[in-house]
Amino acid sequence: MKVPNVGYHFARWEGQLRRRLYQASLPATILRRIHPPAELPLHVYTYSNEAMLPEQVRSIRSLLRYAGRPQSLTVVSDGSHPASSIELLQKIDPIVKVKAAKEFQPADLPRKFHEYVSSHPGGKQLGLIMSLPRSGPTLYLDADVLFFPGAADLTAEVQPNRAPALYLPDYHERSTDPRVLHQPNENRNPVNCGFLLLFQKLDWSLCLERFLELEGAPDYFTNQTLIHLVMHANRAQPLDPQRYVLQLDDQCLYRDCYAEPRIALRHYVNPVRHKFWNAPRFG
């Protein structure tokens, strides 16, 4: 007889409940002002949709609370946000602005690639990242990234001449679209595109080349695989995975094994998304 994992199922139920309560309290939540501990020498962009509104609000508030106030913070919408959600997001802090993804599409693209970055959800995210940075060091992050007290020294990562970009290491090499890869070892040191620090314009020619070779429709991991290839081609460097966390090995446990004050952030990808809501608030 198979014994159900009570802790895992209770954690998922608890996360869903906490999310519903947070969503219902969003108008009141954004009225609670945050006093950021510092000014961040970064421009921040995050790609989002209406379905992720509660995560997006909590993510932004955790960034302000633990890392500081960036020079600008732009929520790039896939087009699904109604006016009420746009207004709510922009009330979080005076620096928060919402713009449409179509404003961040690179120019002069081949037709096949232009269709991808203008219509596919992953393609819109890719088009945004390709357009960055626009003015000075830039942080790109997904809506399901939650910051912790260890993010207080995020500014230390912004070092001139360290690397053209820094990336969040992925938890395994299978989060790729193998059709985009030419060699078996090209999936080594996998890049997760949910958190990127960009210090200069990157060469995206390899991205275009591999996409135009692609047979069949892009899948869920196509954009991440293209970003992975470009990051390594441009000699980007990984962030410390002990502090910039993306892990699934606690997926079936009740407890979040990484939510501690010492870490800077955790990217709560889909299999552990419920833990985004179970994670404790510090301070």
C-alpha atoms as a PDB file:
ATOM      1  CA  MET A   1       0.000   0.000   0.000  1.00  0.00           C
ATOM      2  CA  LYS A   2       1.396   3.361  -1.051  1.00  0.00           C
ATOM      3  CA  VAL A   3       1.421   5.889   1.784  1.00  0.00           C
ATOM      4  CA  PRO A   4       0.518   9.448   0.649  1.00  0.00           C
ATOM      5  CA  ASN A   5       3.047  12.188   1.275  1.00  0.00           C
ATOM      6  CA  VAL A   6       0.962  14.141   3.777  1.00  0.00           C
ATOM      7  CA  GLY A   7       3.569  16.863   4.295  1.00  0.00           C
ATOM      8  CA  TYR A   8       3.860  17.595   0.564  1.00  0.00           C
ATOM      9  CA  HIS A   9       0.108  17.724  -0.029  1.00  0.00           C
ATOM     10  CA  PHE A  10      -0.453  19.874   3.052  1.00  0.00           C
ATOM     11  CA  ALA A  11       2.274  22.272   1.876  1.00  0.00           C
ATOM     12  CA  ARG A  12       0.562  22.602  -1.508  1.00  0.00           C
ATOM     13  CA  TRP A  13      -2.811  23.234   0.144  1.00  0.00           C
ATOM     14  CA  GLU A  14      -1.291  25.758   2.523  1.00  0.00           C
ATOM     15  CA  GLY A  15       0.467  27.548  -0.346  1.00  0.00           C
ATOM     16  CA  GLN A  16      -2.767  27.784  -2.335  1.00  0.00           C
ATOM     17  CA  LEU A  17      -4.606  29.156   0.696  1.00  0.00           C
ATOM     18  CA  ARG A  18      -1.926  31.735   1.454  1.00  0.00           C
ATOM     19  CA  ARG A  19      -1.925  32.808  -2.197  1.00  0.00           C
ATOM     20  CA  ARG A  20      -5.704  33.298  -2.246  1.00  0.00           C
ATOM     21  CA  LEU A  21      -5.565  35.339   0.953  1.00  0.00           C
ATOM     22  CA  TYR A  22      -2.714  37.469  -0.410  1.00  0.00           C
ATOM     23  CA  GLN A  23      -4.548  38.020  -3.694  1.00  0.00           C
ATOM     24  CA  ALA A  24      -7.686  39.131  -1.858  1.00  0.00           C
ATOM     25  CA  SER A  25      -5.658  41.596   0.232  1.00  0.00           C
ATOM     26  CA  LEU A  26      -3.620  43.125  -2.627  1.00  0.00           C
ATOM     27  CA  PRO A  27      -5.271  46.600  -2.461  1.00  0.00           C
ATOM     28  CA  ALA A  28      -4.482  46.823   1.260  1.00  0.00           C
ATOM     29  CA  THR A  29      -1.030  45.250   0.893  1.00  0.00           C
ATOM     30  CA  ILE A  30       0.284  47.867  -1.521  1.00  0.00           C
ATOM     31  CA  LEU A  31      -0.748  50.634   0.865  1.00  0.00           C
ATOM     32  CA  ARG A  32       1.791  49.352   3.393  1.00  0.00           C
ATOM     33  CA  ARG A  33       4.795  51.404   2.392  1.00  0.00           C
ATOM     34  CA  ILE A  34       8.255  49.863   2.299  1.00  0.00           C
ATOM     35  CA  HIS A  35      11.348  51.802   3.313  1.00  0.00           C
ATOM     36  CA  PRO A  36      14.181  50.295   1.220  1.00  0.00           C
ATOM     37  CA  PRO A  37      17.511  49.944   3.039  1.00  0.00           C
ATOM     38  CA  ALA A  38      19.585  51.340   0.160  1.00  0.00           C
ATOM     39  CA  GLU A  39      19.636  52.642  -3.385  1.00  0.00           C
ATOM     40  CA  LEU A  40      20.505  49.992  -5.986  1.00  0.00           C
ATOM     41  CA  PRO A  41      22.704  51.054  -8.927  1.00  0.00           C
ATOM     42  CA  LEU A  42      20.527  48.945 -11.230  1.00  0.00           C
ATOM     43  CA  HIS A  43      17.620  49.201 -13.622  1.00  0.00           C
ATOM     44  CA  VAL A  44      15.195  46.325 -13.073  1.00  0.00           C
ATOM     45  CA  TYR A  45      12.927  44.667 -15.627  1.00  0.00           C
ATOM     46  CA  THR A  46      10.525  41.826 -14.974  1.00  0.00           C
ATOM     47  CA  TYR A  47       8.318  39.998 -17.478  1.00  0.00           C
ATOM     48  CA  SER A  48       4.840  39.146 -16.221  1.00  0.00           C
ATOM     49  CA  ASN A  49       1.210  38.347 -16.934  1.00  0.00           C
ATOM     50  CA  GLU A  50      -2.107  38.739 -15.149  1.00  0.00           C
ATOM     51  CA  ALA A  51      -2.073  35.155 -13.863  1.00  0.00           C
ATOM     52  CA  MET A  52       1.120  35.921 -11.908  1.00  0.00           C
ATOM     53  CA  LEU A  53      -0.095  39.186 -10.366  1.00  0.00           C
ATOM     54  CA  PRO A  54       0.119  38.054  -6.697  1.00  0.00           C
ATOM     55  CA  GLU A  55       3.616  36.622  -7.204  1.00  0.00           C
ATOM     56  CA  GLN A  56       4.700  39.764  -9.038  1.00  0.00           C
ATOM     57  CA  VAL A  57       3.554  42.050  -6.232  1.00  0.00           C
ATOM     58  CA  ARG A  58       5.245  39.994  -3.532  1.00  0.00           C
ATOM     59  CA  SER A  59       8.434  39.667  -5.584  1.00  0.00           C
ATOM     60  CA  ILE A  60       8.727  43.427  -6.102  1.00  0.00           C
ATOM     61  CA  ARG A  61       8.004  44.176  -2.459  1.00  0.00           C
ATOM     62  CA  SER A  62      10.643  41.656  -1.328  1.00  0.00           C
ATOM     63  CA  LEU A  63      13.199  43.284  -3.666  1.00  0.00           C
ATOM     64  CA  LEU A  64      12.476  46.711  -2.200  1.00  0.00           C
ATOM     65  CA  ARG A  65      12.495  45.429   1.377  1.00  0.00           C
ATOM     66  CA  TYR A  66      15.722  43.422   1.301  1.00  0.00           C
ATOM     67  CA  ALA A  67      17.840  44.615  -1.644  1.00  0.00           C
ATOM     68  CA  GLY A  68      16.877  48.271  -1.970  1.00  0.00           C
ATOM     69  CA  ARG A  69      15.251  50.670  -4.420  1.00  0.00           C
ATOM     70  CA  PRO A  70      16.633  50.401  -7.975  1.00  0.00           C
ATOM     71  CA  GLN A  71      16.971  53.356 -10.306  1.00  0.00           C
ATOM     72  CA  SER A  72      13.908  52.138 -12.186  1.00  0.00           C
ATOM     73  CA  LEU A  73      11.634  49.103 -12.100  1.00  0.00           C
ATOM     74  CA  THR A  74       9.664  48.169 -15.206  1.00  0.00           C
ATOM     75  CA  VAL A  75       7.050  45.420 -15.280  1.00  0.00           C
ATOM     76  CA  VAL A  76       6.887  44.294 -18.899  1.00  0.00           C
ATOM     77  CA  SER A  77       3.393  42.960 -19.532  1.00  0.00           C
ATOM     78  CA  ASP A  78       2.588  40.240 -22.043  1.00  0.00           C
ATOM     79  CA  GLY A  79      -0.626  42.162 -22.746  1.00  0.00           C
ATOM     80  CA  SER A  80      -2.940  40.309 -20.363  1.00  0.00           C
ATOM     81  CA  HIS A  81      -2.971  42.876 -17.521  1.00  0.00           C
ATOM     82  CA  PRO A  82      -6.216  44.879 -17.244  1.00  0.00           C
ATOM     83  CA  ALA A  83      -6.057  48.555 -16.346  1.00  0.00           C
ATOM     84  CA  SER A  84      -6.886  47.790 -12.702  1.00  0.00           C
ATOM     85  CA  SER A  85      -3.848  45.514 -12.319  1.00  0.00           C
ATOM     86  CA  ILE A  86      -1.559  48.025 -14.030  1.00  0.00           C
ATOM     87  CA  GLU A  87      -2.755  50.706 -11.607  1.00  0.00           C
ATOM     88  CA  LEU A  88      -2.207  48.378  -8.663  1.00  0.00           C
ATOM     89  CA  LEU A  89       1.349  47.478  -9.719  1.00  0.00           C
ATOM     90  CA  GLN A  90       2.292  51.127 -10.173  1.00  0.00           C
ATOM     91  CA  LYS A  91       1.067  51.932  -6.667  1.00  0.00           C
ATOM     92  CA  ILE A  92       3.655  49.611  -5.083  1.00  0.00           C
ATOM     93  CA  ASP A  93       6.343  52.295  -5.354  1.00  0.00           C
ATOM     94  CA  PRO A  94       6.800  55.478  -7.415  1.00  0.00           C
ATOM     95  CA  ILE A  95       9.566  53.839  -9.479  1.00  0.00           C
ATOM     96  CA  VAL A  96       7.331  50.992 -10.725  1.00  0.00           C
ATOM     97  CA  LYS A  97       6.100  51.397 -14.303  1.00  0.00           C
ATOM     98  CA  VAL A  98       4.209  48.926 -16.511  1.00  0.00           C
ATOM     99  CA  LYS A  99       4.982  48.739 -20.228  1.00  0.00           C
ATOM    100  CA  ALA A 100       3.920  46.444 -23.047  1.00  0.00           C
ATOM    101  CA  ALA A 101       6.243  43.714 -24.323  1.00  0.00           C
ATOM    102  CA  LYS A 102       5.951  45.077 -27.869  1.00  0.00           C
ATOM    103  CA  GLU A 103       8.031  48.078 -26.784  1.00  0.00           C
ATOM    104  CA  PHE A 104      11.033  45.784 -26.211  1.00  0.00           C
ATOM    105  CA  GLN A 105      11.304  43.900 -29.491  1.00  0.00           C
ATOM    106  CA  PRO A 106      14.701  44.166 -31.208  1.00  0.00           C
ATOM    107  CA  ALA A 107      14.624  45.779 -34.642  1.00  0.00           C
ATOM    108  CA  ASP A 108      15.500  44.308 -38.041  1.00  0.00           C
ATOM    109  CA  LEU A 109      14.783  40.680 -37.208  1.00  0.00           C
ATOM    110  CA  PRO A 110      14.229  37.859 -39.704  1.00  0.00           C
ATOM    111  CA  ARG A 111      10.503  37.225 -40.197  1.00  0.00           C
ATOM    112  CA  LYS A 112      10.506  33.823 -38.497  1.00  0.00           C
ATOM    113  CA  PHE A 113      12.245  35.185 -35.406  1.00  0.00           C
ATOM    114  CA  HIS A 114      10.131  38.348 -35.341  1.00  0.00           C
ATOM    115  CA  GLU A 115       6.980  36.230 -35.235  1.00  0.00           C
ATOM    116  CA  TYR A 116       8.413  34.311 -32.284  1.00  0.00           C
ATOM    117  CA  VAL A 117       9.333  37.339 -30.153  1.00  0.00           C
ATOM    118  CA  SER A 118       6.083  39.140 -30.954  1.00  0.00           C
ATOM    119  CA  SER A 119       3.562  36.337 -30.364  1.00  0.00           C
ATOM    120  CA  HIS A 120       5.007  33.469 -28.265  1.00  0.00           C
ATOM    121  CA  PRO A 121       5.118  33.979 -24.438  1.00  0.00           C
ATOM    122  CA  GLY A 122       8.690  32.679 -24.244  1.00  0.00           C
ATOM    123  CA  GLY A 123       9.609  34.649 -27.326  1.00  0.00           C
ATOM    124  CA  LYS A 124       8.366  37.895 -25.774  1.00  0.00           C
ATOM    125  CA  GLN A 125      10.558  37.220 -22.753  1.00  0.00           C
ATOM    126  CA  LEU A 126      13.517  36.540 -25.042  1.00  0.00           C
ATOM    127  CA  GLY A 127      12.896  39.735 -27.004  1.00  0.00           C
ATOM    128  CA  LEU A 128      12.887  41.738 -23.773  1.00  0.00           C
ATOM    129  CA  ILE A 129      16.174  40.233 -22.558  1.00  0.00           C
ATOM    130  CA  MET A 130      17.784  40.788 -25.968  1.00  0.00           C
ATOM    131  CA  SER A 131      16.931  44.504 -25.717  1.00  0.00           C
ATOM    132  CA  LEU A 132      18.742  44.904 -22.379  1.00  0.00           C
ATOM    133  CA  PRO A 133      20.582  46.706 -20.942  1.00  0.00           C
ATOM    134  CA  ARG A 134      19.259  50.038 -22.126  1.00  0.00           C
ATOM    135  CA  SER A 135      21.089  52.387 -19.788  1.00  0.00           C
ATOM    136  CA  GLY A 136      23.545  51.084 -17.231  1.00  0.00           C
ATOM    137  CA  PRO A 137      23.690  47.832 -15.264  1.00  0.00           C
ATOM    138  CA  THR A 138      20.396  45.978 -15.473  1.00  0.00           C
ATOM    139  CA  LEU A 139      18.697  43.187 -13.569  1.00  0.00           C
ATOM    140  CA  TYR A 140      16.165  40.972 -15.294  1.00  0.00           C
ATOM    141  CA  LEU A 141      13.997  38.701 -13.137  1.00  0.00           C
ATOM    142  CA  ASP A 142      10.892  36.553 -13.405  1.00  0.00           C
ATOM    143  CA  ALA A 143       7.810  37.222 -11.295  1.00  0.00           C
ATOM    144  CA  ASP A 144       8.370  34.126  -9.128  1.00  0.00           C
ATOM    145  CA  VAL A 145      11.703  35.250  -7.679  1.00  0.00           C
ATOM    146  CA  LEU A 146      11.504  36.005  -3.955  1.00  0.00           C
ATOM    147  CA  PHE A 147      14.222  37.993  -2.188  1.00  0.00           C
ATOM    148  CA  PHE A 148      15.589  37.381   1.310  1.00  0.00           C
ATOM    149  CA  PRO A 149      17.759  39.405   3.744  1.00  0.00           C
ATOM    150  CA  GLY A 150      20.933  38.163   2.042  1.00  0.00           C
ATOM    151  CA  ALA A 151      20.006  40.384  -0.905  1.00  0.00           C
ATOM    152  CA  ALA A 152      21.261  43.361   1.103  1.00  0.00           C
ATOM    153  CA  ASP A 153      24.660  42.990  -0.578  1.00  0.00           C
ATOM    154  CA  LEU A 154      23.284  42.624  -4.106  1.00  0.00           C
ATOM    155  CA  THR A 155      25.168  45.815  -4.954  1.00  0.00           C
ATOM    156  CA  ALA A 156      28.423  43.894  -4.435  1.00  0.00           C
ATOM    157  CA  GLU A 157      27.586  41.816  -7.518  1.00  0.00           C
ATOM    158  CA  VAL A 158      27.618  44.966  -9.644  1.00  0.00           C
ATOM    159  CA  GLN A 159      31.372  45.164 -10.165  1.00  0.00           C
ATOM    160  CA  PRO A 160      32.875  46.824 -13.235  1.00  0.00           C
ATOM    161  CA  ASN A 161      34.782  44.511 -15.571  1.00  0.00           C
ATOM    162  CA  ARG A 162      33.780  41.378 -13.655  1.00  0.00           C
ATOM    163  CA  ALA A 163      31.905  39.866 -16.616  1.00  0.00           C
ATOM    164  CA  PRO A 164      29.501  41.108 -19.294  1.00  0.00           C
ATOM    165  CA  ALA A 165      26.685  39.264 -17.480  1.00  0.00           C
ATOM    166  CA  LEU A 166      25.942  37.059 -14.457  1.00  0.00           C
ATOM    167  CA  TYR A 167      23.350  34.301 -14.466  1.00  0.00           C
ATOM    168  CA  LEU A 168      21.412  32.062 -12.103  1.00  0.00           C
ATOM    169  CA  PRO A 169      22.615  28.444 -12.448  1.00  0.00           C
ATOM    170  CA  ASP A 170      19.854  25.968 -13.265  1.00  0.00           C
ATOM    171  CA  TYR A 171      19.393  22.820 -11.190  1.00  0.00           C
ATOM    172  CA  HIS A 172      20.008  20.302 -13.994  1.00  0.00           C
ATOM    173  CA  GLU A 173      20.948  20.070 -17.667  1.00  0.00           C
ATOM    174  CA  ARG A 174      17.579  18.752 -18.860  1.00  0.00           C
ATOM    175  CA  SER A 175      15.780  22.128 -18.854  1.00  0.00           C
ATOM    176  CA  THR A 176      16.679  22.644 -22.496  1.00  0.00           C
ATOM    177  CA  ASP A 177      15.354  22.269 -26.010  1.00  0.00           C
ATOM    178  CA  PRO A 178      17.810  19.677 -27.409  1.00  0.00           C
ATOM    179  CA  ARG A 179      16.936  20.642 -30.985  1.00  0.00           C
ATOM    180  CA  VAL A 180      18.804  23.928 -30.491  1.00  0.00           C
ATOM    181  CA  LEU A 181      22.014  22.238 -29.361  1.00  0.00           C
ATOM    182  CA  HIS A 182      24.713  21.016 -31.751  1.00  0.00           C
ATOM    183  CA  GLN A 183      27.096  19.258 -29.372  1.00  0.00           C
ATOM    184  CA  PRO A 184      26.350  17.034 -26.341  1.00  0.00           C
ATOM    185  CA  ASN A 185      28.421  19.249 -24.046  1.00  0.00           C
ATOM    186  CA  GLU A 186      26.615  22.459 -24.989  1.00  0.00           C
ATOM    187  CA  ASN A 187      24.138  21.920 -22.152  1.00  0.00           C
ATOM    188  CA  ARG A 188      26.828  21.987 -19.464  1.00  0.00           C
ATOM    189  CA  ASN A 189      26.666  24.649 -16.747  1.00  0.00           C
ATOM    190  CA  PRO A 190      22.978  25.305 -17.483  1.00  0.00           C
ATOM    191  CA  VAL A 191      21.669  28.856 -17.353  1.00  0.00           C
ATOM    192  CA  ASN A 192      18.292  29.703 -15.876  1.00  0.00           C
ATOM    193  CA  CYS A 193      16.878  32.801 -17.527  1.00  0.00           C
ATOM    194  CA  GLY A 194      14.779  33.832 -14.514  1.00  0.00           C
ATOM    195  CA  PHE A 195      17.496  36.037 -12.979  1.00  0.00           C
ATOM    196  CA  LEU A 196      20.174  37.772 -15.042  1.00  0.00           C
ATOM    197  CA  LEU A 197      22.504  40.675 -14.317  1.00  0.00           C
ATOM    198  CA  LEU A 198      23.453  42.400 -17.566  1.00  0.00           C
ATOM    199  CA  PHE A 199      26.275  44.938 -17.734  1.00  0.00           C
ATOM    200  CA  GLN A 200      26.674  45.403 -21.484  1.00  0.00           C
ATOM    201  CA  LYS A 201      24.997  44.550 -24.766  1.00  0.00           C
ATOM    202  CA  LEU A 202      25.566  40.924 -25.692  1.00  0.00           C
ATOM    203  CA  ASP A 203      26.179  39.379 -29.099  1.00  0.00           C
ATOM    204  CA  TRP A 204      22.928  37.562 -29.965  1.00  0.00           C
ATOM    205  CA  SER A 205      23.995  36.284 -33.397  1.00  0.00           C
ATOM    206  CA  LEU A 206      24.228  32.683 -32.150  1.00  0.00           C
ATOM    207  CA  CYS A 207      20.644  32.923 -30.870  1.00  0.00           C
ATOM    208  CA  LEU A 208      19.375  33.979 -34.294  1.00  0.00           C
ATOM    209  CA  GLU A 209      21.437  31.329 -36.063  1.00  0.00           C
ATOM    210  CA  ARG A 210      20.196  28.443 -33.933  1.00  0.00           C
ATOM    211  CA  PHE A 211      16.572  29.610 -33.976  1.00  0.00           C
ATOM    212  CA  LEU A 212      16.480  29.889 -37.751  1.00  0.00           C
ATOM    213  CA  GLU A 213      17.820  26.324 -37.970  1.00  0.00           C
ATOM    214  CA  LEU A 214      15.065  25.039 -35.665  1.00  0.00           C
ATOM    215  CA  GLU A 215      12.637  22.576 -37.224  1.00  0.00           C
ATOM    216  CA  GLY A 216       9.171  22.552 -35.753  1.00  0.00           C
ATOM    217  CA  ALA A 217       7.509  24.911 -33.303  1.00  0.00           C
ATOM    218  CA  PRO A 218       9.417  26.377 -30.328  1.00  0.00           C
ATOM    219  CA  ASP A 219       8.695  24.647 -27.015  1.00  0.00           C
ATOM    220  CA  TYR A 220       8.716  25.752 -23.372  1.00  0.00           C
ATOM    221  CA  PHE A 221      12.516  25.617 -23.054  1.00  0.00           C
ATOM    222  CA  THR A 222      13.498  27.044 -26.472  1.00  0.00           C
ATOM    223  CA  ASN A 223      14.021  30.592 -25.222  1.00  0.00           C
ATOM    224  CA  GLN A 224      15.988  29.470 -22.160  1.00  0.00           C
ATOM    225  CA  THR A 225      18.240  27.260 -24.293  1.00  0.00           C
ATOM    226  CA  LEU A 226      18.961  30.134 -26.673  1.00  0.00           C
ATOM    227  CA  ILE A 227      19.755  32.418 -23.718  1.00  0.00           C
ATOM    228  CA  HIS A 228      21.974  29.688 -22.243  1.00  0.00           C
ATOM    229  CA  LEU A 229      24.013  29.491 -25.456  1.00  0.00           C
ATOM    230  CA  VAL A 230      24.372  33.266 -25.708  1.00  0.00           C
ATOM    231  CA  MET A 231      25.418  33.659 -22.066  1.00  0.00           C
ATOM    232  CA  HIS A 232      28.249  31.153 -22.496  1.00  0.00           C
ATOM    233  CA  ALA A 233      29.249  32.537 -25.900  1.00  0.00           C
ATOM    234  CA  ASN A 234      29.616  35.969 -24.250  1.00  0.00           C
ATOM    235  CA  ARG A 235      31.581  34.558 -21.273  1.00  0.00           C
ATOM    236  CA  ALA A 236      28.934  35.282 -18.662  1.00  0.00           C
ATOM    237  CA  GLN A 237      29.650  33.993 -15.164  1.00  0.00           C
ATOM    238  CA  PRO A 238      27.426  32.105 -12.683  1.00  0.00           C
ATOM    239  CA  LEU A 239      26.182  33.557  -9.426  1.00  0.00           C
ATOM    240  CA  ASP A 240      26.832  31.678  -6.194  1.00  0.00           C
ATOM    241  CA  PRO A 241      24.175  28.895  -6.172  1.00  0.00           C
ATOM    242  CA  GLN A 242      24.334  28.726  -2.374  1.00  0.00           C
ATOM    243  CA  ARG A 243      22.940  32.258  -2.155  1.00  0.00           C
ATOM    244  CA  TYR A 244      21.102  32.579  -5.481  1.00  0.00           C
ATOM    245  CA  VAL A 245      18.983  29.472  -5.233  1.00  0.00           C
ATOM    246  CA  LEU A 246      17.142  27.360  -7.774  1.00  0.00           C
ATOM    247  CA  GLN A 247      16.522  23.862  -6.410  1.00  0.00           C
ATOM    248  CA  LEU A 248      13.873  21.161  -6.554  1.00  0.00           C
ATOM    249  CA  ASP A 249      15.277  18.608  -4.111  1.00  0.00           C
ATOM    250  CA  ASP A 250      12.856  19.740  -1.383  1.00  0.00           C
ATOM    251  CA  GLN A 251       9.842  19.606  -3.690  1.00  0.00           C
ATOM    252  CA  CYS A 252       8.159  16.719  -1.837  1.00  0.00           C
ATOM    253  CA  LEU A 253       8.986  17.985   1.650  1.00  0.00           C
ATOM    254  CA  TYR A 254       6.736  20.193   3.721  1.00  0.00           C
ATOM    255  CA  ARG A 255       9.586  22.488   4.741  1.00  0.00           C
ATOM    256  CA  ASP A 256      11.336  24.963   2.443  1.00  0.00           C
ATOM    257  CA  CYS A 257      14.939  23.849   2.945  1.00  0.00           C
ATOM    258  CA  TYR A 258      16.470  27.025   1.506  1.00  0.00           C
ATOM    259  CA  ALA A 259      14.352  29.906   2.855  1.00  0.00           C
ATOM    260  CA  GLU A 260      16.879  31.361   5.283  1.00  0.00           C
ATOM    261  CA  PRO A 261      17.989  34.942   5.976  1.00  0.00           C
ATOM    262  CA  ARG A 262      21.478  34.235   4.573  1.00  0.00           C
ATOM    263  CA  ILE A 263      20.316  33.666   0.978  1.00  0.00           C
ATOM    264  CA  ALA A 264      19.755  36.490  -1.490  1.00  0.00           C
ATOM    265  CA  LEU A 265      16.844  34.921  -3.336  1.00  0.00           C
ATOM    266  CA  ARG A 266      15.111  31.773  -4.468  1.00  0.00           C
ATOM    267  CA  HIS A 267      13.530  31.254  -7.870  1.00  0.00           C
ATOM    268  CA  TYR A 268      10.358  29.289  -7.193  1.00  0.00           C
ATOM    269  CA  VAL A 269       9.875  27.573 -10.543  1.00  0.00           C
ATOM    270  CA  ASN A 270       6.640  25.712 -11.212  1.00  0.00           C
ATOM    271  CA  PRO A 271       7.293  22.393  -9.338  1.00  0.00           C
ATOM    272  CA  VAL A 272       7.994  24.318  -6.098  1.00  0.00           C
ATOM    273  CA  ARG A 273       5.779  27.364  -6.737  1.00  0.00           C
ATOM    274  CA  HIS A 274       3.668  26.603  -3.664  1.00  0.00           C
ATOM    275  CA  LYS A 275       6.757  27.184  -1.501  1.00  0.00           C
ATOM    276  CA  PHE A 276       6.825  30.799  -2.735  1.00  0.00           C
ATOM    277  CA  TRP A 277       3.835  31.339  -0.451  1.00  0.00           C
ATOM    278  CA  ASN A 278       5.020  29.137   2.427  1.00  0.00           C
ATOM    279  CA  ALA A 279       8.369  30.935   2.632  1.00  0.00           C
ATOM    280  CA  PRO A 280       8.678  32.981   5.844  1.00  0.00           C
ATOM    281  CA  ARG A 281       8.876  36.749   5.920  1.00  0.00           C
ATOM    282  CA  PHE A 282      11.929  38.041   7.749  1.00  0.00           C
ATOM    283  CA  GLY A 283      11.987  41.318   9.595  1.00  0.00           C
END
